[in-house]
C-alpha atoms as a PDB file:
ATOM      1  CA  MET A   1      10.671  25.636   3.173  1.00  0.00           C
ATOM      2  CA  PRO A   2      11.479  23.635  -0.330  1.00  0.00           C
ATOM      3  CA  TYR A   3      12.825  20.431  -0.129  1.00  0.00           C
ATOM      4  CA  LEU A   4      16.273  19.201  -1.724  1.00  0.00           C
ATOM      5  CA  ALA A   5      16.565  16.485  -3.705  1.00  0.00           C
ATOM      6  CA  GLU A   6      17.473  14.254  -1.211  1.00  0.00           C
ATOM      7  CA  GLU A   7      14.733  15.160   0.723  1.00  0.00           C
ATOM      8  CA  ARG A   8      11.913  15.100  -1.522  1.00  0.00           C
ATOM      9  CA  PRO A   9       9.417  12.324  -1.160  1.00  0.00           C
ATOM     10  CA  GLY A  10       8.052   9.921  -3.563  1.00  0.00           C
ATOM     11  CA  VAL A  11       8.053  10.815  -7.259  1.00  0.00           C
ATOM     12  CA  LEU A  12       9.290  14.409  -6.225  1.00  0.00           C
ATOM     13  CA  ALA A  13      12.949  12.614  -5.901  1.00  0.00           C
ATOM     14  CA  ARG A  14      13.344  11.685  -9.202  1.00  0.00           C
ATOM     15  CA  LEU A  15      12.514  15.238 -10.472  1.00  0.00           C
ATOM     16  CA  SER A  16      14.850  17.868 -10.723  1.00  0.00           C
ATOM     17  CA  PRO A  17      14.497  20.831  -8.007  1.00  0.00           C
ATOM     18  CA  LYS A  18      13.986  23.292 -10.980  1.00  0.00           C
ATOM     19  CA  VAL A  19      10.852  21.684 -12.253  1.00  0.00           C
ATOM     20  CA  ASN A  20       8.034  23.500 -11.638  1.00  0.00           C
ATOM     21  CA  ILE A  21       5.350  21.384 -10.126  1.00  0.00           C
ATOM     22  CA  LYS A  22       2.609  24.031 -11.280  1.00  0.00           C
ATOM     23  CA  GLN A  23       3.604  23.955 -14.853  1.00  0.00           C
ATOM     24  CA  THR A  24       3.754  20.058 -14.998  1.00  0.00           C
ATOM     25  CA  ALA A  25       0.453  19.641 -13.446  1.00  0.00           C
ATOM     26  CA  ARG A  26      -1.119  22.248 -16.149  1.00  0.00           C
ATOM     27  CA  MET A  27       0.600  20.205 -18.978  1.00  0.00           C
ATOM     28  CA  ALA A  28      -0.797  17.224 -17.707  1.00  0.00           C
ATOM     29  CA  LEU A  29      -4.298  18.329 -17.057  1.00  0.00           C
ATOM     30  CA  GLY A  30      -4.204  19.720 -20.538  1.00  0.00           C
ATOM     31  CA  ILE A  31      -3.129  16.274 -21.972  1.00  0.00           C
ATOM     32  CA  LEU A  32      -5.934  14.566 -19.760  1.00  0.00           C
ATOM     33  CA  ILE A  33      -8.435  16.970 -21.926  1.00  0.00           C
ATOM     34  CA  MET A  34      -7.180  16.430 -24.866  1.00  0.00           C
ATOM     35  CA  TYR A  35      -7.527  12.635 -24.353  1.00  0.00           C
ATOM     36  CA  TRP A  36     -11.153  13.217 -23.125  1.00  0.00           C
ATOM     37  CA  GLY A  37     -11.987  15.066 -26.333  1.00  0.00           C
ATOM     38  CA  LEU A  38      -9.960  12.326 -28.563  1.00  0.00           C
ATOM     39  CA  VAL A  39     -12.435   9.584 -26.495  1.00  0.00           C
ATOM     40  CA  GLY A  40     -15.342  11.694 -27.277  1.00  0.00           C
ATOM     41  CA  ALA A  41     -14.580  12.067 -31.151  1.00  0.00           C
ATOM     42  CA  LEU A  42     -14.028   8.600 -31.242  1.00  0.00           C
ATOM     43  CA  MET A  43     -17.358   7.296 -29.376  1.00  0.00           C
ATOM     44  CA  GLY A  44     -18.965   9.657 -31.803  1.00  0.00           C
ATOM     45  CA  VAL A  45     -17.677   7.953 -34.810  1.00  0.00           C
ATOM     46  CA  LEU A  46     -18.196   4.192 -33.349  1.00  0.00           C
ATOM     47  CA  HIS A  47     -21.749   5.284 -32.594  1.00  0.00           C
ATOM     48  CA  SER A  48     -22.426   6.600 -36.330  1.00  0.00           C
ATOM     49  CA  LEU A  49     -21.131   3.404 -37.660  1.00  0.00           C
ATOM     50  CA  ILE A  50     -22.933   1.211 -35.221  1.00  0.00           C
ATOM     51  CA  GLY A  51     -26.107   3.300 -36.263  1.00  0.00           C
ATOM     52  CA  VAL A  52     -25.738   2.695 -39.655  1.00  0.00           C
ATOM     53  CA  LEU A  53     -24.473  -1.098 -39.640  1.00  0.00           C
ATOM     54  CA  VAL A  54     -26.890  -2.283 -36.803  1.00  0.00           C
ATOM     55  CA  PRO A  55     -29.975  -0.250 -36.528  1.00  0.00           C
ATOM     56  CA  ALA A  56     -31.574  -1.351 -33.431  1.00  0.00           C
ATOM     57  CA  SER A  57     -33.251   0.842 -31.058  1.00  0.00           C
ATOM     58  CA  GLY A  58     -34.673   0.728 -27.293  1.00  0.00           C
ATOM     59  CA  PRO A  59     -36.523   2.146 -24.389  1.00  0.00           C
ATOM     60  CA  VAL A  60     -33.572   3.682 -23.178  1.00  0.00           C
ATOM     61  CA  SER A  61     -31.410   4.372 -26.135  1.00  0.00           C
ATOM     62  CA  PRO A  62     -32.025   5.089 -29.904  1.00  0.00           C
ATOM     63  CA  ASN A  63     -28.994   3.190 -30.391  1.00  0.00           C
ATOM     64  CA  LEU A  64     -29.294   0.119 -28.108  1.00  0.00           C
ATOM     65  CA  VAL A  65     -26.011  -1.665 -29.342  1.00  0.00           C
ATOM     66  CA  TYR A  66     -23.835   1.122 -29.005  1.00  0.00           C
ATOM     67  CA  SER A  67     -25.172   1.802 -25.278  1.00  0.00           C
ATOM     68  CA  VAL A  68     -24.674  -1.774 -24.333  1.00  0.00           C
ATOM     69  CA  VAL A  69     -21.157  -1.796 -26.010  1.00  0.00           C
ATOM     70  CA  THR A  70     -20.216   1.295 -24.140  1.00  0.00           C
ATOM     71  CA  ALA A  71     -21.722   0.625 -20.642  1.00  0.00           C
ATOM     72  CA  VAL A  72     -19.608  -2.687 -20.719  1.00  0.00           C
ATOM     73  CA  ALA A  73     -16.649  -1.167 -21.965  1.00  0.00           C
ATOM     74  CA  GLY A  74     -17.105   1.445 -19.030  1.00  0.00           C
ATOM     75  CA  LEU A  75     -17.903  -1.030 -16.374  1.00  0.00           C
ATOM     76  CA  ALA A  76     -14.463  -2.908 -17.519  1.00  0.00           C
ATOM     77  CA  LEU A  77     -12.499  -0.148 -17.809  1.00  0.00           C
ATOM     78  CA  GLY A  78     -13.616   0.536 -14.148  1.00  0.00           C
ATOM     79  CA  TRP A  79     -13.006  -2.637 -12.495  1.00  0.00           C
ATOM     80  CA  TYR A  80      -9.618  -2.788 -14.483  1.00  0.00           C
ATOM     81  CA  GLY A  81      -8.757   1.082 -12.749  1.00  0.00           C
ATOM     82  CA  ALA A  82     -10.096   0.007  -9.355  1.00  0.00           C
ATOM     83  CA  ARG A  83      -8.103  -3.262  -9.021  1.00  0.00           C
ATOM     84  CA  ARG A  84      -4.929  -1.286 -10.073  1.00  0.00           C
ATOM     85  CA  LEU A  85      -5.526   1.951  -8.130  1.00  0.00           C
ATOM     86  CA  PRO A  86      -7.117   0.343  -4.863  1.00  0.00           C
ATOM     87  CA  LEU A  87      -6.679   4.060  -3.195  1.00  0.00           C
ATOM     88  CA  ALA A  88      -8.610   5.652  -5.783  1.00  0.00           C
ATOM     89  CA  ARG A  89     -11.351   3.125  -6.058  1.00  0.00           C
ATOM     90  CA  ARG A  90     -14.254   5.455  -5.321  1.00  0.00           C
ATOM     91  CA  ASP A  91     -12.529   7.990  -7.943  1.00  0.00           C
ATOM     92  CA  VAL A  92     -12.008   5.292 -10.709  1.00  0.00           C
ATOM     93  CA  TRP A  93     -16.037   4.166 -10.278  1.00  0.00           C
ATOM     94  CA  VAL A  94     -16.864   7.812 -10.047  1.00  0.00           C
ATOM     95  CA  LEU A  95     -15.271   8.458 -13.601  1.00  0.00           C
ATOM     96  CA  SER A  96     -16.681   5.251 -14.732  1.00  0.00           C
ATOM     97  CA  ALA A  97     -20.108   6.228 -14.005  1.00  0.00           C
ATOM     98  CA  ILE A  98     -19.573   9.487 -15.794  1.00  0.00           C
ATOM     99  CA  PHE A  99     -18.288   8.186 -18.760  1.00  0.00           C
ATOM    100  CA  ILE A 100     -21.408   5.430 -19.385  1.00  0.00           C
ATOM    101  CA  VAL A 101     -23.638   8.394 -18.632  1.00  0.00           C
ATOM    102  CA  LEU A 102     -22.076  10.638 -21.121  1.00  0.00           C
ATOM    103  CA  PHE A 103     -21.164   8.278 -23.869  1.00  0.00           C
ATOM    104  CA  ALA A 104     -23.811   5.589 -23.320  1.00  0.00           C
ATOM    105  CA  TRP A 105     -26.960   7.400 -22.855  1.00  0.00           C
ATOM    106  CA  THR A 106     -26.370  10.971 -23.670  1.00  0.00           C
ATOM    107  CA  LEU A 107     -24.302  10.628 -26.824  1.00  0.00           C
ATOM    108  CA  PRO A 108     -27.147   8.701 -28.454  1.00  0.00           C
ATOM    109  CA  ALA A 109     -29.974  10.574 -26.893  1.00  0.00           C
ATOM    110  CA  LEU A 110     -28.388  14.009 -28.074  1.00  0.00           C
ATOM    111  CA  ALA A 111     -27.858  12.509 -31.730  1.00  0.00           C
ATOM    112  CA  ALA A 112     -31.358  11.249 -32.070  1.00  0.00           C
END
């Protein structure tokens, strides 16, 4: 049974009853995917710049400076997100770990 506008819990109470939640969720997912692609493009440009400006390789990464900076940034974002979203703490740390693995290790390894 659909909720009336006054009976809808939380954020749903602020939305018009005519808003289709599935369409809103699809739009939000599309925006998140777009931002993830933008982050990937920016990280690729940063990887190229650091590789040219500060060439240093290590046992784990062909671009050690980039890997360390990216891992520290991922941990800092994970720490901030875990503090701001205590109910999703585990999810935030999982996303942070995925970010670190993809951008701090996989990107330099594939670019080499």
